[in-house]
Amino acid sequence: MKVHALRIWEELVGKILDINVIDDQTLVVNISGINYALPSFPKELINKISKNTIIGILRTDESYAIRIVNAKDVLSRANR
């Protein structure tokens, strides 16, 4: 299994297909078919994400930021 990592100020956006926590510190997510390892992912953010959610995860120089993407809003904008 190939696993990718985010560099600082890199963001990934897509649908969460799978979530795993390793050693209480590293989050491994499968987003749109690609596995990403996110070391030192804050525990308080883990509780805010779930499978089948479209999400954006940004790695900052200090931590991570997430945004939940509203699929209806995305489709509405795409059809304008």
PDB file of N, CA and C in Angstrom:
ATOM      1  N   MET A   1       0.845  -1.176   0.000  1.00  0.00           N
ATOM      2  CA  MET A   1       0.000   0.000   0.000  1.00  0.00           C
ATOM      3  C   MET A   1       0.894   1.243   0.000  1.00  0.00           C
ATOM      4  N   LYS A   2       0.735   2.081  -0.996  1.00  0.00           N
ATOM      5  CA  LYS A   2       1.489   3.317  -1.096  1.00  0.00           C
ATOM      6  C   LYS A   2       0.769   4.396  -0.283  1.00  0.00           C
ATOM      7  N   VAL A   3       1.542   5.129   0.522  1.00  0.00           N
ATOM      8  CA  VAL A   3       0.979   6.166   1.369  1.00  0.00           C
ATOM      9  C   VAL A   3       1.688   7.484   1.062  1.00  0.00           C
ATOM     10  N   HIS A   4       0.910   8.538   0.897  1.00  0.00           N
ATOM     11  CA  HIS A   4       1.436   9.858   0.598  1.00  0.00           C
ATOM     12  C   HIS A   4       1.414  10.720   1.862  1.00  0.00           C
ATOM     13  N   ALA A   5       2.209  11.762   1.864  1.00  0.00           N
ATOM     14  CA  ALA A   5       2.229  12.711   2.976  1.00  0.00           C
ATOM     15  C   ALA A   5       2.008  14.112   2.422  1.00  0.00           C
ATOM     16  N   LEU A   6       1.389  14.956   3.231  1.00  0.00           N
ATOM     17  CA  LEU A   6       1.190  16.350   2.844  1.00  0.00           C
ATOM     18  C   LEU A   6       2.406  17.165   3.260  1.00  0.00           C
ATOM     19  N   ARG A   7       2.827  18.047   2.391  1.00  0.00           N
ATOM     20  CA  ARG A   7       3.869  19.004   2.751  1.00  0.00           C
ATOM     21  C   ARG A   7       3.200  20.215   3.390  1.00  0.00           C
ATOM     22  N   ILE A   8       3.981  21.039   4.047  1.00  0.00           N
ATOM     23  CA  ILE A   8       3.442  22.232   4.689  1.00  0.00           C
ATOM     24  C   ILE A   8       2.787  23.125   3.638  1.00  0.00           C
ATOM     25  N   TRP A   9       1.601  23.609   3.960  1.00  0.00           N
ATOM     26  CA  TRP A   9       0.746  24.460   3.135  1.00  0.00           C
ATOM     27  C   TRP A   9       0.193  23.732   1.906  1.00  0.00           C
ATOM     28  N   GLU A  10       0.158  22.419   1.979  1.00  0.00           N
ATOM     29  CA  GLU A  10      -0.469  21.633   0.919  1.00  0.00           C
ATOM     30  C   GLU A  10      -1.833  21.178   1.433  1.00  0.00           C
ATOM     31  N   GLU A  11      -2.821  21.200   0.548  1.00  0.00           N
ATOM     32  CA  GLU A  11      -4.177  20.803   0.928  1.00  0.00           C
ATOM     33  C   GLU A  11      -4.643  19.660   0.042  1.00  0.00           C
ATOM     34  N   LEU A  12      -5.382  18.743   0.646  1.00  0.00           N
ATOM     35  CA  LEU A  12      -6.032  17.715  -0.149  1.00  0.00           C
ATOM     36  C   LEU A  12      -7.527  17.855   0.044  1.00  0.00           C
ATOM     37  N   VAL A  13      -8.260  17.626  -1.023  1.00  0.00           N
ATOM     38  CA  VAL A  13      -9.717  17.741  -0.999  1.00  0.00           C
ATOM     39  C   VAL A  13     -10.289  16.524  -1.684  1.00  0.00           C
ATOM     40  N   GLY A  14     -11.251  15.899  -1.057  1.00  0.00           N
ATOM     41  CA  GLY A  14     -11.904  14.743  -1.661  1.00  0.00           C
ATOM     42  C   GLY A  14     -12.805  14.042  -0.671  1.00  0.00           C
ATOM     43  N   LYS A  15     -13.326  12.906  -1.089  1.00  0.00           N
ATOM     44  CA  LYS A  15     -14.248  12.119  -0.276  1.00  0.00           C
ATOM     45  C   LYS A  15     -13.467  11.126   0.571  1.00  0.00           C
ATOM     46  N   ILE A  16     -13.744  11.105   1.873  1.00  0.00           N
ATOM     47  CA  ILE A  16     -13.083  10.172   2.783  1.00  0.00           C
ATOM     48  C   ILE A  16     -13.703   8.788   2.603  1.00  0.00           C
ATOM     49  N   LEU A  17     -12.873   7.840   2.194  1.00  0.00           N
ATOM     50  CA  LEU A  17     -13.338   6.472   2.006  1.00  0.00           C
ATOM     51  C   LEU A  17     -12.993   5.576   3.188  1.00  0.00           C
ATOM     52  N   ASP A  18     -11.921   5.907   3.922  1.00  0.00           N
ATOM     53  CA  ASP A  18     -11.504   5.106   5.075  1.00  0.00           C
ATOM     54  C   ASP A  18     -10.677   5.969   6.013  1.00  0.00           C
ATOM     55  N   ILE A  19     -10.770   5.672   7.313  1.00  0.00           N
ATOM     56  CA  ILE A  19     -10.037   6.409   8.348  1.00  0.00           C
ATOM     57  C   ILE A  19      -9.430   5.408   9.318  1.00  0.00           C
ATOM     58  N   ASN A  20      -8.139   5.570   9.632  1.00  0.00           N
ATOM     59  CA  ASN A  20      -7.476   4.746  10.641  1.00  0.00           C
ATOM     60  C   ASN A  20      -6.549   5.627  11.461  1.00  0.00           C
ATOM     61  N   VAL A  21      -6.465   5.334  12.762  1.00  0.00           N
ATOM     62  CA  VAL A  21      -5.539   6.042  13.640  1.00  0.00           C
ATOM     63  C   VAL A  21      -4.487   5.042  14.084  1.00  0.00           C
ATOM     64  N   ILE A  22      -3.216   5.422  13.916  1.00  0.00           N
ATOM     65  CA  ILE A  22      -2.098   4.547  14.282  1.00  0.00           C
ATOM     66  C   ILE A  22      -1.336   5.207  15.428  1.00  0.00           C
ATOM     67  N   ASP A  23      -1.099   4.464  16.499  1.00  0.00           N
ATOM     68  CA  ASP A  23      -0.309   4.942  17.643  1.00  0.00           C
ATOM     69  C   ASP A  23      -0.852   6.232  18.260  1.00  0.00           C
ATOM     70  N   ASP A  24      -2.142   6.468  18.173  1.00  0.00           N
ATOM     71  CA  ASP A  24      -2.779   7.670  18.737  1.00  0.00           C
ATOM     72  C   ASP A  24      -2.183   8.976  18.238  1.00  0.00           C
ATOM     73  N   GLN A  25      -1.370   8.943  17.188  1.00  0.00           N
ATOM     74  CA  GLN A  25      -0.749  10.173  16.710  1.00  0.00           C
ATOM     75  C   GLN A  25      -0.848  10.358  15.208  1.00  0.00           C
ATOM     76  N   THR A  26      -0.901   9.285  14.471  1.00  0.00           N
ATOM     77  CA  THR A  26      -0.909   9.392  13.013  1.00  0.00           C
ATOM     78  C   THR A  26      -2.267   8.974  12.469  1.00  0.00           C
ATOM     79  N   LEU A  27      -2.857   9.859  11.705  1.00  0.00           N
ATOM     80  CA  LEU A  27      -4.117   9.563  11.035  1.00  0.00           C
ATOM     81  C   LEU A  27      -3.790   9.105   9.622  1.00  0.00           C
ATOM     82  N   VAL A  28      -4.351   7.974   9.227  1.00  0.00           N
ATOM     83  CA  VAL A  28      -4.210   7.496   7.854  1.00  0.00           C
ATOM     84  C   VAL A  28      -5.605   7.521   7.241  1.00  0.00           C
ATOM     85  N   VAL A  29      -5.748   8.316   6.188  1.00  0.00           N
ATOM     86  CA  VAL A  29      -7.041   8.441   5.525  1.00  0.00           C
ATOM     87  C   VAL A  29      -6.916   8.043   4.062  1.00  0.00           C
ATOM     88  N   ASN A  30      -7.969   7.453   3.554  1.00  0.00           N
ATOM     89  CA  ASN A  30      -8.060   7.188   2.120  1.00  0.00           C
ATOM     90  C   ASN A  30      -9.042   8.213   1.594  1.00  0.00           C
ATOM     91  N   ILE A  31      -8.525   9.125   0.806  1.00  0.00           N
ATOM     92  CA  ILE A  31      -9.363  10.177   0.231  1.00  0.00           C
ATOM     93  C   ILE A  31      -9.376   9.998  -1.275  1.00  0.00           C
ATOM     94  N   SER A  32     -10.567   9.725  -1.783  1.00  0.00           N
ATOM     95  CA  SER A  32     -10.770   9.530  -3.223  1.00  0.00           C
ATOM     96  C   SER A  32      -9.828   8.486  -3.802  1.00  0.00           C
ATOM     97  N   GLY A  33      -9.565   7.426  -3.010  1.00  0.00           N
ATOM     98  CA  GLY A  33      -8.780   6.300  -3.496  1.00  0.00           C
ATOM     99  C   GLY A  33      -7.287   6.392  -3.258  1.00  0.00           C
ATOM    100  N   ILE A  34      -6.812   7.457  -2.612  1.00  0.00           N
ATOM    101  CA  ILE A  34      -5.383   7.626  -2.339  1.00  0.00           C
ATOM    102  C   ILE A  34      -5.179   7.686  -0.826  1.00  0.00           C
ATOM    103  N   ASN A  35      -4.186   6.938  -0.328  1.00  0.00           N
ATOM    104  CA  ASN A  35      -3.890   6.904   1.102  1.00  0.00           C
ATOM    105  C   ASN A  35      -2.927   8.020   1.487  1.00  0.00           C
ATOM    106  N   TYR A  36      -3.251   8.693   2.598  1.00  0.00           N
ATOM    107  CA  TYR A  36      -2.417   9.762   3.129  1.00  0.00           C
ATOM    108  C   TYR A  36      -2.143   9.495   4.599  1.00  0.00           C
ATOM    109  N   ALA A  37      -0.886   9.651   5.015  1.00  0.00           N
ATOM    110  CA  ALA A  37      -0.519   9.580   6.423  1.00  0.00           C
ATOM    111  C   ALA A  37      -0.362  11.006   6.925  1.00  0.00           C
ATOM    112  N   LEU A  38      -1.045  11.324   8.016  1.00  0.00           N
ATOM    113  CA  LEU A  38      -1.026  12.667   8.584  1.00  0.00           C
ATOM    114  C   LEU A  38      -0.504  12.577  10.016  1.00  0.00           C
ATOM    115  N   PRO A  39       0.819  12.693  10.199  1.00  0.00           N
ATOM    116  CA  PRO A  39       1.391  12.568  11.543  1.00  0.00           C
ATOM    117  C   PRO A  39       1.001  13.740  12.439  1.00  0.00           C
ATOM    118  N   SER A  40       0.909  13.465  13.724  1.00  0.00           N
ATOM    119  CA  SER A  40       0.575  14.482  14.736  1.00  0.00           C
ATOM    120  C   SER A  40      -0.757  15.169  14.443  1.00  0.00           C
ATOM    121  N   PHE A  41      -1.717  14.418  13.921  1.00  0.00           N
ATOM    122  CA  PHE A  41      -3.033  14.986  13.626  1.00  0.00           C
ATOM    123  C   PHE A  41      -3.778  15.207  14.939  1.00  0.00           C
ATOM    124  N   PRO A  42      -4.312  16.410  15.184  1.00  0.00           N
ATOM    125  CA  PRO A  42      -4.977  16.715  16.463  1.00  0.00           C
ATOM    126  C   PRO A  42      -6.186  15.824  16.722  1.00  0.00           C
ATOM    127  N   LYS A  43      -6.243  15.281  17.928  1.00  0.00           N
ATOM    128  CA  LYS A  43      -7.347  14.383  18.299  1.00  0.00           C
ATOM    129  C   LYS A  43      -8.701  15.074  18.213  1.00  0.00           C
ATOM    130  N   GLU A  44      -8.740  16.366  18.535  1.00  0.00           N
ATOM    131  CA  GLU A  44     -10.028  17.073  18.500  1.00  0.00           C
ATOM    132  C   GLU A  44     -10.566  17.212  17.079  1.00  0.00           C
ATOM    133  N   LEU A  45      -9.705  17.153  16.077  1.00  0.00           N
ATOM    134  CA  LEU A  45     -10.173  17.207  14.690  1.00  0.00           C
ATOM    135  C   LEU A  45     -10.633  15.844  14.186  1.00  0.00           C
ATOM    136  N   ILE A  46     -10.055  14.776  14.734  1.00  0.00           N
ATOM    137  CA  ILE A  46     -10.446  13.428  14.306  1.00  0.00           C
ATOM    138  C   ILE A  46     -11.936  13.208  14.527  1.00  0.00           C
ATOM    139  N   ASN A  47     -12.461  13.717  15.638  1.00  0.00           N
ATOM    140  CA  ASN A  47     -13.883  13.540  15.952  1.00  0.00           C
ATOM    141  C   ASN A  47     -14.803  14.297  15.007  1.00  0.00           C
ATOM    142  N   LYS A  48     -14.269  15.237  14.243  1.00  0.00           N
ATOM    143  CA  LYS A  48     -15.095  16.049  13.345  1.00  0.00           C
ATOM    144  C   LYS A  48     -15.192  15.483  11.935  1.00  0.00           C
ATOM    145  N   ILE A  49     -14.451  14.409  11.654  1.00  0.00           N
ATOM    146  CA  ILE A  49     -14.478  13.848  10.303  1.00  0.00           C
ATOM    147  C   ILE A  49     -15.075  12.454  10.315  1.00  0.00           C
ATOM    148  N   SER A  50     -15.686  12.069   9.211  1.00  0.00           N
ATOM    149  CA  SER A  50     -16.279  10.737   9.105  1.00  0.00           C
ATOM    150  C   SER A  50     -16.235  10.275   7.652  1.00  0.00           C
ATOM    151  N   LYS A  51     -16.407   8.967   7.494  1.00  0.00           N
ATOM    152  CA  LYS A  51     -16.408   8.394   6.148  1.00  0.00           C
ATOM    153  C   LYS A  51     -17.502   9.014   5.291  1.00  0.00           C
ATOM    154  N   ASN A  52     -17.252   9.003   3.992  1.00  0.00           N
ATOM    155  CA  ASN A  52     -18.193   9.496   2.980  1.00  0.00           C
ATOM    156  C   ASN A  52     -18.458  10.997   3.063  1.00  0.00           C
ATOM    157  N   THR A  53     -17.580  11.711   3.748  1.00  0.00           N
ATOM    158  CA  THR A  53     -17.657  13.165   3.824  1.00  0.00           C
ATOM    159  C   THR A  53     -16.668  13.752   2.830  1.00  0.00           C
ATOM    160  N   ILE A  54     -17.070  14.800   2.141  1.00  0.00           N
ATOM    161  CA  ILE A  54     -16.126  15.510   1.284  1.00  0.00           C
ATOM    162  C   ILE A  54     -15.447  16.550   2.161  1.00  0.00           C
ATOM    163  N   ILE A  55     -14.126  16.492   2.185  1.00  0.00           N
ATOM    164  CA  ILE A  55     -13.371  17.283   3.150  1.00  0.00           C
ATOM    165  C   ILE A  55     -12.146  17.915   2.504  1.00  0.00           C
ATOM    166  N   GLY A  56     -11.701  18.991   3.091  1.00  0.00           N
ATOM    167  CA  GLY A  56     -10.416  19.591   2.740  1.00  0.00           C
ATOM    168  C   GLY A  56      -9.537  19.530   3.974  1.00  0.00           C
ATOM    169  N   ILE A  57      -8.321  19.050   3.838  1.00  0.00           N
ATOM    170  CA  ILE A  57      -7.366  19.008   4.947  1.00  0.00           C
ATOM    171  C   ILE A  57      -6.131  19.788   4.516  1.00  0.00           C
ATOM    172  N   LEU A  58      -5.803  20.812   5.289  1.00  0.00           N
ATOM    173  CA  LEU A  58      -4.657  21.670   5.014  1.00  0.00           C
ATOM    174  C   LEU A  58      -3.607  21.428   6.089  1.00  0.00           C
ATOM    175  N   ARG A  59      -2.376  21.150   5.666  1.00  0.00           N
ATOM    176  CA  ARG A  59      -1.287  21.036   6.626  1.00  0.00           C
ATOM    177  C   ARG A  59      -0.629  22.404   6.733  1.00  0.00           C
ATOM    178  N   THR A  60      -0.594  22.939   7.942  1.00  0.00           N
ATOM    179  CA  THR A  60       0.027  24.238   8.173  1.00  0.00           C
ATOM    180  C   THR A  60       1.404  24.032   8.790  1.00  0.00           C
ATOM    181  N   ASP A  61       2.092  25.115   9.053  1.00  0.00           N
ATOM    182  CA  ASP A  61       3.411  24.984   9.654  1.00  0.00           C
ATOM    183  C   ASP A  61       3.344  24.569  11.122  1.00  0.00           C
ATOM    184  N   GLU A  62       2.161  24.646  11.739  1.00  0.00           N
ATOM    185  CA  GLU A  62       2.019  24.257  13.137  1.00  0.00           C
ATOM    186  C   GLU A  62       1.132  23.043  13.357  1.00  0.00           C
ATOM    187  N   SER A  63       0.158  22.810  12.482  1.00  0.00           N
ATOM    188  CA  SER A  63      -0.796  21.725  12.710  1.00  0.00           C
ATOM    189  C   SER A  63      -1.560  21.438  11.419  1.00  0.00           C
ATOM    190  N   TYR A  64      -2.862  21.204  11.549  1.00  0.00           N
ATOM    191  CA  TYR A  64      -3.741  20.951  10.411  1.00  0.00           C
ATOM    192  C   TYR A  64      -5.005  21.786  10.563  1.00  0.00           C
ATOM    193  N   ALA A  65      -5.644  22.069   9.450  1.00  0.00           N
ATOM    194  CA  ALA A  65      -6.957  22.709   9.445  1.00  0.00           C
ATOM    195  C   ALA A  65      -7.843  21.873   8.532  1.00  0.00           C
ATOM    196  N   ILE A  66      -9.113  21.767   8.884  1.00  0.00           N
ATOM    197  CA  ILE A  66     -10.038  21.008   8.046  1.00  0.00           C
ATOM    198  C   ILE A  66     -11.222  21.888   7.674  1.00  0.00           C
ATOM    199  N   ARG A  67     -11.840  21.512   6.554  1.00  0.00           N
ATOM    200  CA  ARG A  67     -13.109  22.135   6.173  1.00  0.00           C
ATOM    201  C   ARG A  67     -13.974  21.040   5.569  1.00  0.00           C
ATOM    202  N   ILE A  68     -15.206  21.030   5.986  1.00  0.00           N
ATOM    203  CA  ILE A  68     -16.177  20.085   5.446  1.00  0.00           C
ATOM    204  C   ILE A  68     -16.822  20.762   4.249  1.00  0.00           C
ATOM    205  N   VAL A  69     -16.798  20.092   3.111  1.00  0.00           N
ATOM    206  CA  VAL A  69     -17.346  20.645   1.879  1.00  0.00           C
ATOM    207  C   VAL A  69     -18.774  20.154   1.728  1.00  0.00           C
ATOM    208  N   ASN A  70     -19.683  21.080   1.546  1.00  0.00           N
ATOM    209  CA  ASN A  70     -21.086  20.747   1.353  1.00  0.00           C
ATOM    210  C   ASN A  70     -21.283  20.337  -0.101  1.00  0.00           C
ATOM    211  N   ALA A  71     -21.545  19.068  -0.336  1.00  0.00           N
ATOM    212  CA  ALA A  71     -21.665  18.546  -1.699  1.00  0.00           C
ATOM    213  C   ALA A  71     -22.783  19.249  -2.481  1.00  0.00           C
ATOM    214  N   LYS A  72     -23.891  19.582  -1.835  1.00  0.00           N
ATOM    215  CA  LYS A  72     -24.983  20.266  -2.526  1.00  0.00           C
ATOM    216  C   LYS A  72     -24.532  21.634  -3.019  1.00  0.00           C
ATOM    217  N   ASP A  73     -23.730  22.318  -2.204  1.00  0.00           N
ATOM    218  CA  ASP A  73     -23.217  23.634  -2.587  1.00  0.00           C
ATOM    219  C   ASP A  73     -22.275  23.515  -3.782  1.00  0.00           C
ATOM    220  N   VAL A  74     -21.431  22.496  -3.772  1.00  0.00           N
ATOM    221  CA  VAL A  74     -20.488  22.286  -4.881  1.00  0.00           C
ATOM    222  C   VAL A  74     -21.256  22.016  -6.178  1.00  0.00           C
ATOM    223  N   LEU A  75     -22.248  21.148  -6.125  1.00  0.00           N
ATOM    224  CA  LEU A  75     -23.039  20.832  -7.317  1.00  0.00           C
ATOM    225  C   LEU A  75     -23.812  22.047  -7.799  1.00  0.00           C
ATOM    226  N   SER A  76     -24.320  22.818  -6.871  1.00  0.00           N
ATOM    227  CA  SER A  76     -25.068  24.016  -7.241  1.00  0.00           C
ATOM    228  C   SER A  76     -24.173  24.999  -7.994  1.00  0.00           C
ATOM    229  N   ARG A  77     -22.958  25.200  -7.517  1.00  0.00           N
ATOM    230  CA  ARG A  77     -22.030  26.121  -8.178  1.00  0.00           C
ATOM    231  C   ARG A  77     -21.574  25.577  -9.529  1.00  0.00           C
ATOM    232  N   ALA A  78     -21.403  24.263  -9.622  1.00  0.00           N
ATOM    233  CA  ALA A  78     -20.947  23.664 -10.868  1.00  0.00           C
ATOM    234  C   ALA A  78     -21.993  23.757 -11.970  1.00  0.00           C
ATOM    235  N   ASN A  79     -23.261  23.797 -11.584  1.00  0.00           N
ATOM    236  CA  ASN A  79     -24.341  23.825 -12.570  1.00  0.00           C
ATOM    237  C   ASN A  79     -24.776  25.241 -12.943  1.00  0.00           C
ATOM    238  N   ARG A  80     -24.090  26.250 -12.461  1.00  0.00           N
ATOM    239  CA  ARG A  80     -24.451  27.641 -12.789  1.00  0.00           C
ATOM    240  C   ARG A  80     -24.011  28.005 -14.176  1.00  0.00           C
TER     241      ARG A  80
END
